[in-house]
Amino acid sequence: HNVRNTVYLEMNNLEPEDTAVYYCNANGYLARRGAYNYWGQGTQVTV
């Protein structure tokens, strides 16, 4: 959702190999700031 800077991940047919901590990332570049790279704290997915 661009206006809200929200991102989603729909996961189907999950497999045990998908088990991990999933992290959200936001990235880009602003002329007066330079590159940016933000991270969330993560959410655990266990299959």
ModelCIF file with pLDDT and N, C-alpha, C, O atoms, coordinates in Angstrom:
data_MODEL
#
_entry.id   MODEL 
#
_entity.id                         1 
_entity.type                       polymer 
_entity.pdbx_number_of_molecules   1 
#
_entity_poly.entity_id                      1 
_entity_poly.type                           'polypeptide(L)' 
_entity_poly.nstd_linkage                   no 
_entity_poly.nstd_monomer                   no 
_entity_poly.pdbx_seq_one_letter_code       HNVRNTVYLEMNNLEPEDTAVYYCNANGYLARRGAYNYWGQGTQVTV 
_entity_poly.pdbx_seq_one_letter_code_can   HNVRNTVYLEMNNLEPEDTAVYYCNANGYLARRGAYNYWGQGTQVTV 
_entity_poly.pdbx_strand_id                 A 
#
loop_
_entity_poly_seq.entity_id 
_entity_poly_seq.num 
_entity_poly_seq.mon_id 
_entity_poly_seq.hetero 
1 1  HIS n 
1 2  ASN n 
1 3  VAL n 
1 4  ARG n 
1 5  ASN n 
1 6  THR n 
1 7  VAL n 
1 8  TYR n 
1 9  LEU n 
1 10 GLU n 
1 11 MET n 
1 12 ASN n 
1 13 ASN n 
1 14 LEU n 
1 15 GLU n 
1 16 PRO n 
1 17 GLU n 
1 18 ASP n 
1 19 THR n 
1 20 ALA n 
1 21 VAL n 
1 22 TYR n 
1 23 TYR n 
1 24 CYS n 
1 25 ASN n 
1 26 ALA n 
1 27 ASN n 
1 28 GLY n 
1 29 TYR n 
1 30 LEU n 
1 31 ALA n 
1 32 ARG n 
1 33 ARG n 
1 34 GLY n 
1 35 ALA n 
1 36 TYR n 
1 37 ASN n 
1 38 TYR n 
1 39 TRP n 
1 40 GLY n 
1 41 GLN n 
1 42 GLY n 
1 43 THR n 
1 44 GLN n 
1 45 VAL n 
1 46 THR n 
1 47 VAL n 
#
_struct_asym.id          A 
_struct_asym.entity_id   1 
#
loop_
_ma_qa_metric.id 
_ma_qa_metric.mode 
_ma_qa_metric.name 
_ma_qa_metric.software_group_id 
_ma_qa_metric.type 
1 global pLDDT . pLDDT 
2 local  pLDDT . pLDDT 
#
_ma_qa_metric_global.metric_id      1 
_ma_qa_metric_global.metric_value   93.91 
_ma_qa_metric_global.model_id       1 
_ma_qa_metric_global.ordinal_id     1 
#
loop_
_ma_qa_metric_local.label_asym_id 
_ma_qa_metric_local.label_comp_id 
_ma_qa_metric_local.label_seq_id 
_ma_qa_metric_local.metric_id 
_ma_qa_metric_local.metric_value 
_ma_qa_metric_local.model_id 
_ma_qa_metric_local.ordinal_id 
A HIS 1  2 86.00 1 1  
A ASN 2  2 72.00 1 2  
A VAL 3  2 74.00 1 3  
A ARG 4  2 74.00 1 4  
A ASN 5  2 85.00 1 5  
A THR 6  2 92.00 1 6  
A VAL 7  2 95.00 1 7  
A TYR 8  2 96.00 1 8  
A LEU 9  2 98.00 1 9  
A GLU 10 2 98.00 1 10 
A MET 11 2 98.00 1 11 
A ASN 12 2 98.00 1 12 
A ASN 13 2 98.00 1 13 
A LEU 14 2 98.00 1 14 
A GLU 15 2 98.00 1 15 
A PRO 16 2 97.00 1 16 
A GLU 17 2 97.00 1 17 
A ASP 18 2 98.00 1 18 
A THR 19 2 98.00 1 19 
A ALA 20 2 98.00 1 20 
A VAL 21 2 98.00 1 21 
A TYR 22 2 98.00 1 22 
A TYR 23 2 98.00 1 23 
A CYS 24 2 97.00 1 24 
A ASN 25 2 97.00 1 25 
A ALA 26 2 95.00 1 26 
A ASN 27 2 93.00 1 27 
A GLY 28 2 92.00 1 28 
A TYR 29 2 92.00 1 29 
A LEU 30 2 90.00 1 30 
A ALA 31 2 91.00 1 31 
A ARG 32 2 89.00 1 32 
A ARG 33 2 87.00 1 33 
A GLY 34 2 94.00 1 34 
A ALA 35 2 95.00 1 35 
A TYR 36 2 93.00 1 36 
A ASN 37 2 94.00 1 37 
A TYR 38 2 95.00 1 38 
A TRP 39 2 97.00 1 39 
A GLY 40 2 97.00 1 40 
A GLN 41 2 97.00 1 41 
A GLY 42 2 97.00 1 42 
A THR 43 2 98.00 1 43 
A GLN 44 2 98.00 1 44 
A VAL 45 2 98.00 1 45 
A THR 46 2 98.00 1 46 
A VAL 47 2 98.00 1 47 
#
loop_
_atom_site.group_PDB 
_atom_site.id 
_atom_site.type_symbol 
_atom_site.label_atom_id 
_atom_site.label_alt_id 
_atom_site.label_comp_id 
_atom_site.label_asym_id 
_atom_site.label_entity_id 
_atom_site.label_seq_id 
_atom_site.pdbx_PDB_ins_code 
_atom_site.Cartn_x 
_atom_site.Cartn_y 
_atom_site.Cartn_z 
_atom_site.occupancy 
_atom_site.B_iso_or_equiv 
_atom_site.pdbx_formal_charge 
_atom_site.auth_seq_id 
_atom_site.auth_comp_id 
_atom_site.auth_asym_id 
_atom_site.auth_atom_id 
_atom_site.pdbx_PDB_model_num 
ATOM 1   N N  . HIS A 1 1  ? 0.886  -1.148  0.000  1.00 86.00 ? 1  HIS A N  1 
ATOM 2   C CA . HIS A 1 1  ? 0.000  0.000   0.000  1.00 86.00 ? 1  HIS A CA 1 
ATOM 3   C C  . HIS A 1 1  ? 0.925  1.198   0.000  1.00 86.00 ? 1  HIS A C  1 
ATOM 4   O O  . HIS A 1 1  ? 1.485  1.554   1.037  1.00 86.00 ? 1  HIS A O  1 
ATOM 5   N N  . ASN A 1 2  ? 1.089  1.820   -1.149 1.00 72.00 ? 2  ASN A N  1 
ATOM 6   C CA . ASN A 1 2  ? 2.100  2.843   -1.334 1.00 72.00 ? 2  ASN A CA 1 
ATOM 7   C C  . ASN A 1 2  ? 1.932  4.060   -0.431 1.00 72.00 ? 2  ASN A C  1 
ATOM 8   O O  . ASN A 1 2  ? 2.892  4.525   0.183  1.00 72.00 ? 2  ASN A O  1 
ATOM 9   N N  . VAL A 1 3  ? 0.738  4.557   -0.357 1.00 74.00 ? 3  VAL A N  1 
ATOM 10  C CA . VAL A 1 3  ? 0.496  5.758   0.432  1.00 74.00 ? 3  VAL A CA 1 
ATOM 11  C C  . VAL A 1 3  ? 0.809  5.522   1.901  1.00 74.00 ? 3  VAL A C  1 
ATOM 12  O O  . VAL A 1 3  ? 1.299  6.417   2.591  1.00 74.00 ? 3  VAL A O  1 
ATOM 13  N N  . ARG A 1 4  ? 0.532  4.340   2.365  1.00 74.00 ? 4  ARG A N  1 
ATOM 14  C CA . ARG A 1 4  ? 0.709  4.027   3.781  1.00 74.00 ? 4  ARG A CA 1 
ATOM 15  C C  . ARG A 1 4  ? 2.060  3.395   4.090  1.00 74.00 ? 4  ARG A C  1 
ATOM 16  O O  . ARG A 1 4  ? 2.345  3.075   5.244  1.00 74.00 ? 4  ARG A O  1 
ATOM 17  N N  . ASN A 1 5  ? 2.903  3.211   3.057  1.00 85.00 ? 5  ASN A N  1 
ATOM 18  C CA . ASN A 1 5  ? 4.199  2.572   3.255  1.00 85.00 ? 5  ASN A CA 1 
ATOM 19  C C  . ASN A 1 5  ? 4.055  1.253   4.014  1.00 85.00 ? 5  ASN A C  1 
ATOM 20  O O  . ASN A 1 5  ? 4.779  0.975   4.970  1.00 85.00 ? 5  ASN A O  1 
ATOM 21  N N  . THR A 1 6  ? 3.123  0.476   3.566  1.00 92.00 ? 6  THR A N  1 
ATOM 22  C CA . THR A 1 6  ? 2.848  -0.814  4.155  1.00 92.00 ? 6  THR A CA 1 
ATOM 23  C C  . THR A 1 6  ? 3.097  -1.908  3.123  1.00 92.00 ? 6  THR A C  1 
ATOM 24  O O  . THR A 1 6  ? 2.760  -1.754  1.949  1.00 92.00 ? 6  THR A O  1 
ATOM 25  N N  . VAL A 1 7  ? 3.677  -2.992  3.561  1.00 95.00 ? 7  VAL A N  1 
ATOM 26  C CA . VAL A 1 7  ? 3.953  -4.095  2.656  1.00 95.00 ? 7  VAL A CA 1 
ATOM 27  C C  . VAL A 1 7  ? 3.417  -5.385  3.258  1.00 95.00 ? 7  VAL A C  1 
ATOM 28  O O  . VAL A 1 7  ? 3.409  -5.567  4.476  1.00 95.00 ? 7  VAL A O  1 
ATOM 29  N N  . TYR A 1 8  ? 2.971  -6.278  2.379  1.00 96.00 ? 8  TYR A N  1 
ATOM 30  C CA . TYR A 1 8  ? 2.389  -7.544  2.807  1.00 96.00 ? 8  TYR A CA 1 
ATOM 31  C C  . TYR A 1 8  ? 3.090  -8.695  2.116  1.00 96.00 ? 8  TYR A C  1 
ATOM 32  O O  . TYR A 1 8  ? 3.667  -8.538  1.040  1.00 96.00 ? 8  TYR A O  1 
ATOM 33  N N  . LEU A 1 9  ? 3.031  -9.838  2.741  1.00 98.00 ? 9  LEU A N  1 
ATOM 34  C CA . LEU A 1 9  ? 3.550  -11.050 2.138  1.00 98.00 ? 9  LEU A CA 1 
ATOM 35  C C  . LEU A 1 9  ? 2.541  -12.158 2.373  1.00 98.00 ? 9  LEU A C  1 
ATOM 36  O O  . LEU A 1 9  ? 2.387  -12.644 3.494  1.00 98.00 ? 9  LEU A O  1 
ATOM 37  N N  . GLU A 1 10 ? 1.855  -12.554 1.312  1.00 98.00 ? 10 GLU A N  1 
ATOM 38  C CA . GLU A 1 10 ? 0.924  -13.661 1.372  1.00 98.00 ? 10 GLU A CA 1 
ATOM 39  C C  . GLU A 1 10 ? 1.689  -14.940 1.096  1.00 98.00 ? 10 GLU A C  1 
ATOM 40  O O  . GLU A 1 10 ? 2.288  -15.096 0.033  1.00 98.00 ? 10 GLU A O  1 
ATOM 41  N N  . MET A 1 11 ? 1.668  -15.847 2.045  1.00 98.00 ? 11 MET A N  1 
ATOM 42  C CA . MET A 1 11 ? 2.417  -17.082 1.941  1.00 98.00 ? 11 MET A CA 1 
ATOM 43  C C  . MET A 1 11 ? 1.454  -18.255 1.896  1.00 98.00 ? 11 MET A C  1 
ATOM 44  O O  . MET A 1 11 ? 0.666  -18.462 2.818  1.00 98.00 ? 11 MET A O  1 
ATOM 45  N N  . ASN A 1 12 ? 1.523  -19.011 0.826  1.00 98.00 ? 12 ASN A N  1 
ATOM 46  C CA . ASN A 1 12 ? 0.668  -20.173 0.638  1.00 98.00 ? 12 ASN A CA 1 
ATOM 47  C C  . ASN A 1 12 ? 1.507  -21.429 0.478  1.00 98.00 ? 12 ASN A C  1 
ATOM 48  O O  . ASN A 1 12 ? 2.692  -21.369 0.152  1.00 98.00 ? 12 ASN A O  1 
ATOM 49  N N  . ASN A 1 13 ? 0.872  -22.558 0.713  1.00 98.00 ? 13 ASN A N  1 
ATOM 50  C CA . ASN A 1 13 ? 1.550  -23.850 0.583  1.00 98.00 ? 13 ASN A CA 1 
ATOM 51  C C  . ASN A 1 13 ? 2.878  -23.857 1.330  1.00 98.00 ? 13 ASN A C  1 
ATOM 52  O O  . ASN A 1 13 ? 3.915  -24.243 0.790  1.00 98.00 ? 13 ASN A O  1 
ATOM 53  N N  . LEU A 1 14 ? 2.821  -23.431 2.554  1.00 98.00 ? 14 LEU A N  1 
ATOM 54  C CA . LEU A 1 14 ? 4.033  -23.319 3.351  1.00 98.00 ? 14 LEU A CA 1 
ATOM 55  C C  . LEU A 1 14 ? 4.679  -24.673 3.586  1.00 98.00 ? 14 LEU A C  1 
ATOM 56  O O  . LEU A 1 14 ? 4.006  -25.692 3.742  1.00 98.00 ? 14 LEU A O  1 
ATOM 57  N N  . GLU A 1 15 ? 5.987  -24.653 3.608  1.00 98.00 ? 15 GLU A N  1 
ATOM 58  C CA . GLU A 1 15 ? 6.792  -25.842 3.800  1.00 98.00 ? 15 GLU A CA 1 
ATOM 59  C C  . GLU A 1 15 ? 7.681  -25.668 5.026  1.00 98.00 ? 15 GLU A C  1 
ATOM 60  O O  . GLU A 1 15 ? 7.957  -24.538 5.430  1.00 98.00 ? 15 GLU A O  1 
ATOM 61  N N  . PRO A 1 16 ? 8.134  -26.770 5.625  1.00 97.00 ? 16 PRO A N  1 
ATOM 62  C CA . PRO A 1 16 ? 9.024  -26.647 6.779  1.00 97.00 ? 16 PRO A CA 1 
ATOM 63  C C  . PRO A 1 16 ? 10.254 -25.796 6.490  1.00 97.00 ? 16 PRO A C  1 
ATOM 64  O O  . PRO A 1 16 ? 10.772 -25.124 7.382  1.00 97.00 ? 16 PRO A O  1 
ATOM 65  N N  . GLU A 1 17 ? 10.717 -25.823 5.251  1.00 97.00 ? 17 GLU A N  1 
ATOM 66  C CA . GLU A 1 17 ? 11.872 -25.026 4.855  1.00 97.00 ? 17 GLU A CA 1 
ATOM 67  C C  . GLU A 1 17 ? 11.621 -23.529 4.923  1.00 97.00 ? 17 GLU A C  1 
ATOM 68  O O  . GLU A 1 17 ? 12.563 -22.737 4.892  1.00 97.00 ? 17 GLU A O  1 
ATOM 69  N N  . ASP A 1 18 ? 10.364 -23.140 5.015  1.00 98.00 ? 18 ASP A N  1 
ATOM 70  C CA . ASP A 1 18 ? 10.028 -21.728 5.124  1.00 98.00 ? 18 ASP A CA 1 
ATOM 71  C C  . ASP A 1 18 ? 10.160 -21.211 6.550  1.00 98.00 ? 18 ASP A C  1 
ATOM 72  O O  . ASP A 1 18 ? 10.045 -20.008 6.785  1.00 98.00 ? 18 ASP A O  1 
ATOM 73  N N  . THR A 1 19 ? 10.393 -22.087 7.481  1.00 98.00 ? 19 THR A N  1 
ATOM 74  C CA . THR A 1 19 ? 10.537 -21.693 8.876  1.00 98.00 ? 19 THR A CA 1 
ATOM 75  C C  . THR A 1 19 ? 11.714 -20.743 9.040  1.00 98.00 ? 19 THR A C  1 
ATOM 76  O O  . THR A 1 19 ? 12.844 -21.072 8.680  1.00 98.00 ? 19 THR A O  1 
ATOM 77  N N  . ALA A 1 20 ? 11.443 -19.573 9.581  1.00 98.00 ? 20 ALA A N  1 
ATOM 78  C CA . ALA A 1 20 ? 12.470 -18.552 9.739  1.00 98.00 ? 20 ALA A CA 1 
ATOM 79  C C  . ALA A 1 20 ? 11.868 -17.342 10.428 1.00 98.00 ? 20 ALA A C  1 
ATOM 80  O O  . ALA A 1 20 ? 10.655 -17.246 10.612 1.00 98.00 ? 20 ALA A O  1 
ATOM 81  N N  . VAL A 1 21 ? 12.732 -16.433 10.797 1.00 98.00 ? 21 VAL A N  1 
ATOM 82  C CA . VAL A 1 21 ? 12.280 -15.120 11.214 1.00 98.00 ? 21 VAL A CA 1 
ATOM 83  C C  . VAL A 1 21 ? 12.212 -14.261 9.965  1.00 98.00 ? 21 VAL A C  1 
ATOM 84  O O  . VAL A 1 21 ? 13.188 -14.152 9.223  1.00 98.00 ? 21 VAL A O  1 
ATOM 85  N N  . TYR A 1 22 ? 11.077 -13.661 9.740  1.00 98.00 ? 22 TYR A N  1 
ATOM 86  C CA . TYR A 1 22 ? 10.872 -12.839 8.556  1.00 98.00 ? 22 TYR A CA 1 
ATOM 87  C C  . TYR A 1 22 ? 10.991 -11.372 8.918  1.00 98.00 ? 22 TYR A C  1 
ATOM 88  O O  . TYR A 1 22 ? 10.370 -10.895 9.868  1.00 98.00 ? 22 TYR A O  1 
ATOM 89  N N  . TYR A 1 23 ? 11.800 -10.669 8.146  1.00 98.00 ? 23 TYR A N  1 
ATOM 90  C CA . TYR A 1 23 ? 12.088 -9.269  8.410  1.00 98.00 ? 23 TYR A CA 1 
ATOM 91  C C  . TYR A 1 23 ? 11.573 -8.376  7.286  1.00 98.00 ? 23 TYR A C  1 
ATOM 92  O O  . TYR A 1 23 ? 11.714 -8.694  6.105  1.00 98.00 ? 23 TYR A O  1 
ATOM 93  N N  . CYS A 1 24 ? 10.994 -7.289  7.665  1.00 97.00 ? 24 CYS A N  1 
ATOM 94  C CA . CYS A 1 24 ? 10.550 -6.278  6.720  1.00 97.00 ? 24 CYS A CA 1 
ATOM 95  C C  . CYS A 1 24 ? 11.690 -5.304  6.452  1.00 97.00 ? 24 CYS A C  1 
ATOM 96  O O  . CYS A 1 24 ? 12.457 -4.964  7.353  1.00 97.00 ? 24 CYS A O  1 
ATOM 97  N N  . ASN A 1 25 ? 11.791 -4.865  5.217  1.00 97.00 ? 25 ASN A N  1 
ATOM 98  C CA . ASN A 1 25 ? 12.836 -3.935  4.823  1.00 97.00 ? 25 ASN A CA 1 
ATOM 99  C C  . ASN A 1 25 ? 12.266 -2.825  3.955  1.00 97.00 ? 25 ASN A C  1 
ATOM 100 O O  . ASN A 1 25 ? 11.387 -3.058  3.125  1.00 97.00 ? 25 ASN A O  1 
ATOM 101 N N  . ALA A 1 26 ? 12.771 -1.628  4.155  1.00 95.00 ? 26 ALA A N  1 
ATOM 102 C CA . ALA A 1 26 ? 12.430 -0.494  3.314  1.00 95.00 ? 26 ALA A CA 1 
ATOM 103 C C  . ALA A 1 26 ? 13.725 0.152   2.863  1.00 95.00 ? 26 ALA A C  1 
ATOM 104 O O  . ALA A 1 26 ? 14.638 0.356   3.663  1.00 95.00 ? 26 ALA A O  1 
ATOM 105 N N  . ASN A 1 27 ? 13.801 0.471   1.587  1.00 93.00 ? 27 ASN A N  1 
ATOM 106 C CA . ASN A 1 27 ? 15.048 0.988   1.057  1.00 93.00 ? 27 ASN A CA 1 
ATOM 107 C C  . ASN A 1 27 ? 14.807 1.996   -0.044 1.00 93.00 ? 27 ASN A C  1 
ATOM 108 O O  . ASN A 1 27 ? 13.718 2.076   -0.614 1.00 93.00 ? 27 ASN A O  1 
ATOM 109 N N  . GLY A 1 28 ? 15.844 2.762   -0.331 1.00 92.00 ? 28 GLY A N  1 
ATOM 110 C CA . GLY A 1 28 ? 15.745 3.744   -1.393 1.00 92.00 ? 28 GLY A CA 1 
ATOM 111 C C  . GLY A 1 28 ? 16.854 4.768   -1.302 1.00 92.00 ? 28 GLY A C  1 
ATOM 112 O O  . GLY A 1 28 ? 17.868 4.568   -0.633 1.00 92.00 ? 28 GLY A O  1 
ATOM 113 N N  . TYR A 1 29 ? 16.631 5.870   -1.993 1.00 92.00 ? 29 TYR A N  1 
ATOM 114 C CA . TYR A 1 29 ? 17.627 6.919   -2.051 1.00 92.00 ? 29 TYR A CA 1 
ATOM 115 C C  . TYR A 1 29 ? 16.957 8.278   -2.122 1.00 92.00 ? 29 TYR A C  1 
ATOM 116 O O  . TYR A 1 29 ? 16.009 8.482   -2.880 1.00 92.00 ? 29 TYR A O  1 
ATOM 117 N N  . LEU A 1 30 ? 17.456 9.193   -1.332 1.00 90.00 ? 30 LEU A N  1 
ATOM 118 C CA . LEU A 1 30 ? 17.014 10.577  -1.353 1.00 90.00 ? 30 LEU A CA 1 
ATOM 119 C C  . LEU A 1 30 ? 18.221 11.459  -1.611 1.00 90.00 ? 30 LEU A C  1 
ATOM 120 O O  . LEU A 1 30 ? 19.271 11.280  -0.993 1.00 90.00 ? 30 LEU A O  1 
ATOM 121 N N  . ALA A 1 31 ? 18.073 12.415  -2.528 1.00 91.00 ? 31 ALA A N  1 
ATOM 122 C CA . ALA A 1 31 ? 19.196 13.242  -2.947 1.00 91.00 ? 31 ALA A CA 1 
ATOM 123 C C  . ALA A 1 31 ? 19.878 13.951  -1.788 1.00 91.00 ? 31 ALA A C  1 
ATOM 124 O O  . ALA A 1 31 ? 21.102 14.078  -1.772 1.00 91.00 ? 31 ALA A O  1 
ATOM 125 N N  . ARG A 1 32 ? 19.109 14.407  -0.834 1.00 89.00 ? 32 ARG A N  1 
ATOM 126 C CA . ARG A 1 32 ? 19.674 15.169  0.275  1.00 89.00 ? 32 ARG A CA 1 
ATOM 127 C C  . ARG A 1 32 ? 19.981 14.322  1.502  1.00 89.00 ? 32 ARG A C  1 
ATOM 128 O O  . ARG A 1 32 ? 20.461 14.837  2.512  1.00 89.00 ? 32 ARG A O  1 
ATOM 129 N N  . ARG A 1 33 ? 19.713 13.060  1.418  1.00 87.00 ? 33 ARG A N  1 
ATOM 130 C CA . ARG A 1 33 ? 19.973 12.152  2.533  1.00 87.00 ? 33 ARG A CA 1 
ATOM 131 C C  . ARG A 1 33 ? 20.902 11.014  2.164  1.00 87.00 ? 33 ARG A C  1 
ATOM 132 O O  . ARG A 1 33 ? 21.641 10.507  3.008  1.00 87.00 ? 33 ARG A O  1 
ATOM 133 N N  . GLY A 1 34 ? 20.868 10.620  0.925  1.00 94.00 ? 34 GLY A N  1 
ATOM 134 C CA . GLY A 1 34 ? 21.612 9.460   0.504  1.00 94.00 ? 34 GLY A CA 1 
ATOM 135 C C  . GLY A 1 34 ? 20.757 8.213   0.614  1.00 94.00 ? 34 GLY A C  1 
ATOM 136 O O  . GLY A 1 34 ? 19.536 8.289   0.750  1.00 94.00 ? 34 GLY A O  1 
ATOM 137 N N  . ALA A 1 35 ? 21.404 7.082   0.553  1.00 95.00 ? 35 ALA A N  1 
ATOM 138 C CA . ALA A 1 35 ? 20.690 5.821   0.619  1.00 95.00 ? 35 ALA A CA 1 
ATOM 139 C C  . ALA A 1 35 ? 20.171 5.558   2.023  1.00 95.00 ? 35 ALA A C  1 
ATOM 140 O O  . ALA A 1 35 ? 20.792 5.941   3.015  1.00 95.00 ? 35 ALA A O  1 
ATOM 141 N N  . TYR A 1 36 ? 19.029 4.902   2.088  1.00 93.00 ? 36 TYR A N  1 
ATOM 142 C CA . TYR A 1 36 ? 18.487 4.503   3.373  1.00 93.00 ? 36 TYR A CA 1 
ATOM 143 C C  . TYR A 1 36 ? 18.086 3.041   3.320  1.00 93.00 ? 36 TYR A C  1 
ATOM 144 O O  . TYR A 1 36 ? 17.775 2.499   2.260  1.00 93.00 ? 36 TYR A O  1 
ATOM 145 N N  . ASN A 1 37 ? 18.102 2.428   4.469  1.00 94.00 ? 37 ASN A N  1 
ATOM 146 C CA . ASN A 1 37 ? 17.807 1.007   4.571  1.00 94.00 ? 37 ASN A CA 1 
ATOM 147 C C  . ASN A 1 37 ? 17.304 0.727   5.985  1.00 94.00 ? 37 ASN A C  1 
ATOM 148 O O  . ASN A 1 37 ? 18.079 0.713   6.941  1.00 94.00 ? 37 ASN A O  1 
ATOM 149 N N  . TYR A 1 38 ? 16.007 0.505   6.100  1.00 95.00 ? 38 TYR A N  1 
ATOM 150 C CA . TYR A 1 38 ? 15.389 0.289   7.395  1.00 95.00 ? 38 TYR A CA 1 
ATOM 151 C C  . TYR A 1 38 ? 14.950 -1.158  7.559  1.00 95.00 ? 38 TYR A C  1 
ATOM 152 O O  . TYR A 1 38 ? 14.589 -1.830  6.593  1.00 95.00 ? 38 TYR A O  1 
ATOM 153 N N  . TRP A 1 39 ? 14.990 -1.615  8.784  1.00 97.00 ? 39 TRP A N  1 
ATOM 154 C CA . TRP A 1 39 ? 14.621 -2.993  9.104  1.00 97.00 ? 39 TRP A CA 1 
ATOM 155 C C  . TRP A 1 39 ? 13.642 -3.052  10.259 1.00 97.00 ? 39 TRP A C  1 
ATOM 156 O O  . TRP A 1 39 ? 13.700 -2.246  11.188 1.00 97.00 ? 39 TRP A O  1 
ATOM 157 N N  . GLY A 1 40 ? 12.748 -4.012  10.184 1.00 97.00 ? 40 GLY A N  1 
ATOM 158 C CA . GLY A 1 40 ? 11.885 -4.304  11.303 1.00 97.00 ? 40 GLY A CA 1 
ATOM 159 C C  . GLY A 1 40 ? 12.566 -5.279  12.239 1.00 97.00 ? 40 GLY A C  1 
ATOM 160 O O  . GLY A 1 40 ? 13.684 -5.724  11.978 1.00 97.00 ? 40 GLY A O  1 
ATOM 161 N N  . GLN A 1 41 ? 11.897 -5.609  13.323 1.00 97.00 ? 41 GLN A N  1 
ATOM 162 C CA . GLN A 1 41 ? 12.475 -6.506  14.317 1.00 97.00 ? 41 GLN A CA 1 
ATOM 163 C C  . GLN A 1 41 ? 12.266 -7.981  13.988 1.00 97.00 ? 41 GLN A C  1 
ATOM 164 O O  . GLN A 1 41 ? 12.907 -8.848  14.582 1.00 97.00 ? 41 GLN A O  1 
ATOM 165 N N  . GLY A 1 42 ? 11.384 -8.262  13.060 1.00 97.00 ? 42 GLY A N  1 
ATOM 166 C CA . GLY A 1 42 ? 11.163 -9.625  12.632 1.00 97.00 ? 42 GLY A CA 1 
ATOM 167 C C  . GLY A 1 42 ? 9.951  -10.268 13.268 1.00 97.00 ? 42 GLY A C  1 
ATOM 168 O O  . GLY A 1 42 ? 9.540  -9.907  14.370 1.00 97.00 ? 42 GLY A O  1 
ATOM 169 N N  . THR A 1 43 ? 9.390  -11.220 12.558 1.00 98.00 ? 43 THR A N  1 
ATOM 170 C CA . THR A 1 43 ? 8.278  -12.012 13.072 1.00 98.00 ? 43 THR A CA 1 
ATOM 171 C C  . THR A 1 43 ? 8.544  -13.479 12.750 1.00 98.00 ? 43 THR A C  1 
ATOM 172 O O  . THR A 1 43 ? 8.938  -13.820 11.635 1.00 98.00 ? 43 THR A O  1 
ATOM 173 N N  . GLN A 1 44 ? 8.328  -14.325 13.724 1.00 98.00 ? 44 GLN A N  1 
ATOM 174 C CA . GLN A 1 44 ? 8.652  -15.744 13.579 1.00 98.00 ? 44 GLN A CA 1 
ATOM 175 C C  . GLN A 1 44 ? 7.572  -16.481 12.812 1.00 98.00 ? 44 GLN A C  1 
ATOM 176 O O  . GLN A 1 44 ? 6.384  -16.364 13.114 1.00 98.00 ? 44 GLN A O  1 
ATOM 177 N N  . VAL A 1 45 ? 7.998  -17.239 11.819 1.00 98.00 ? 45 VAL A N  1 
ATOM 178 C CA . VAL A 1 45 ? 7.117  -18.137 11.081 1.00 98.00 ? 45 VAL A CA 1 
ATOM 179 C C  . VAL A 1 45 ? 7.642  -19.548 11.272 1.00 98.00 ? 45 VAL A C  1 
ATOM 180 O O  . VAL A 1 45 ? 8.788  -19.844 10.934 1.00 98.00 ? 45 VAL A O  1 
ATOM 181 N N  . THR A 1 46 ? 6.811  -20.405 11.807 1.00 98.00 ? 46 THR A N  1 
ATOM 182 C CA . THR A 1 46 ? 7.194  -21.790 12.029 1.00 98.00 ? 46 THR A CA 1 
ATOM 183 C C  . THR A 1 46 ? 6.215  -22.702 11.311 1.00 98.00 ? 46 THR A C  1 
ATOM 184 O O  . THR A 1 46 ? 5.010  -22.657 11.561 1.00 98.00 ? 46 THR A O  1 
ATOM 185 N N  . VAL A 1 47 ? 6.737  -23.522 10.425 1.00 98.00 ? 47 VAL A N  1 
ATOM 186 C CA . VAL A 1 47 ? 5.922  -24.458 9.661  1.00 98.00 ? 47 VAL A CA 1 
ATOM 187 C C  . VAL A 1 47 ? 6.255  -25.862 10.154 1.00 98.00 ? 47 VAL A C  1 
ATOM 188 O O  . VAL A 1 47 ? 5.692  -26.839 9.661  1.00 98.00 ? 47 VAL A O  1 
#
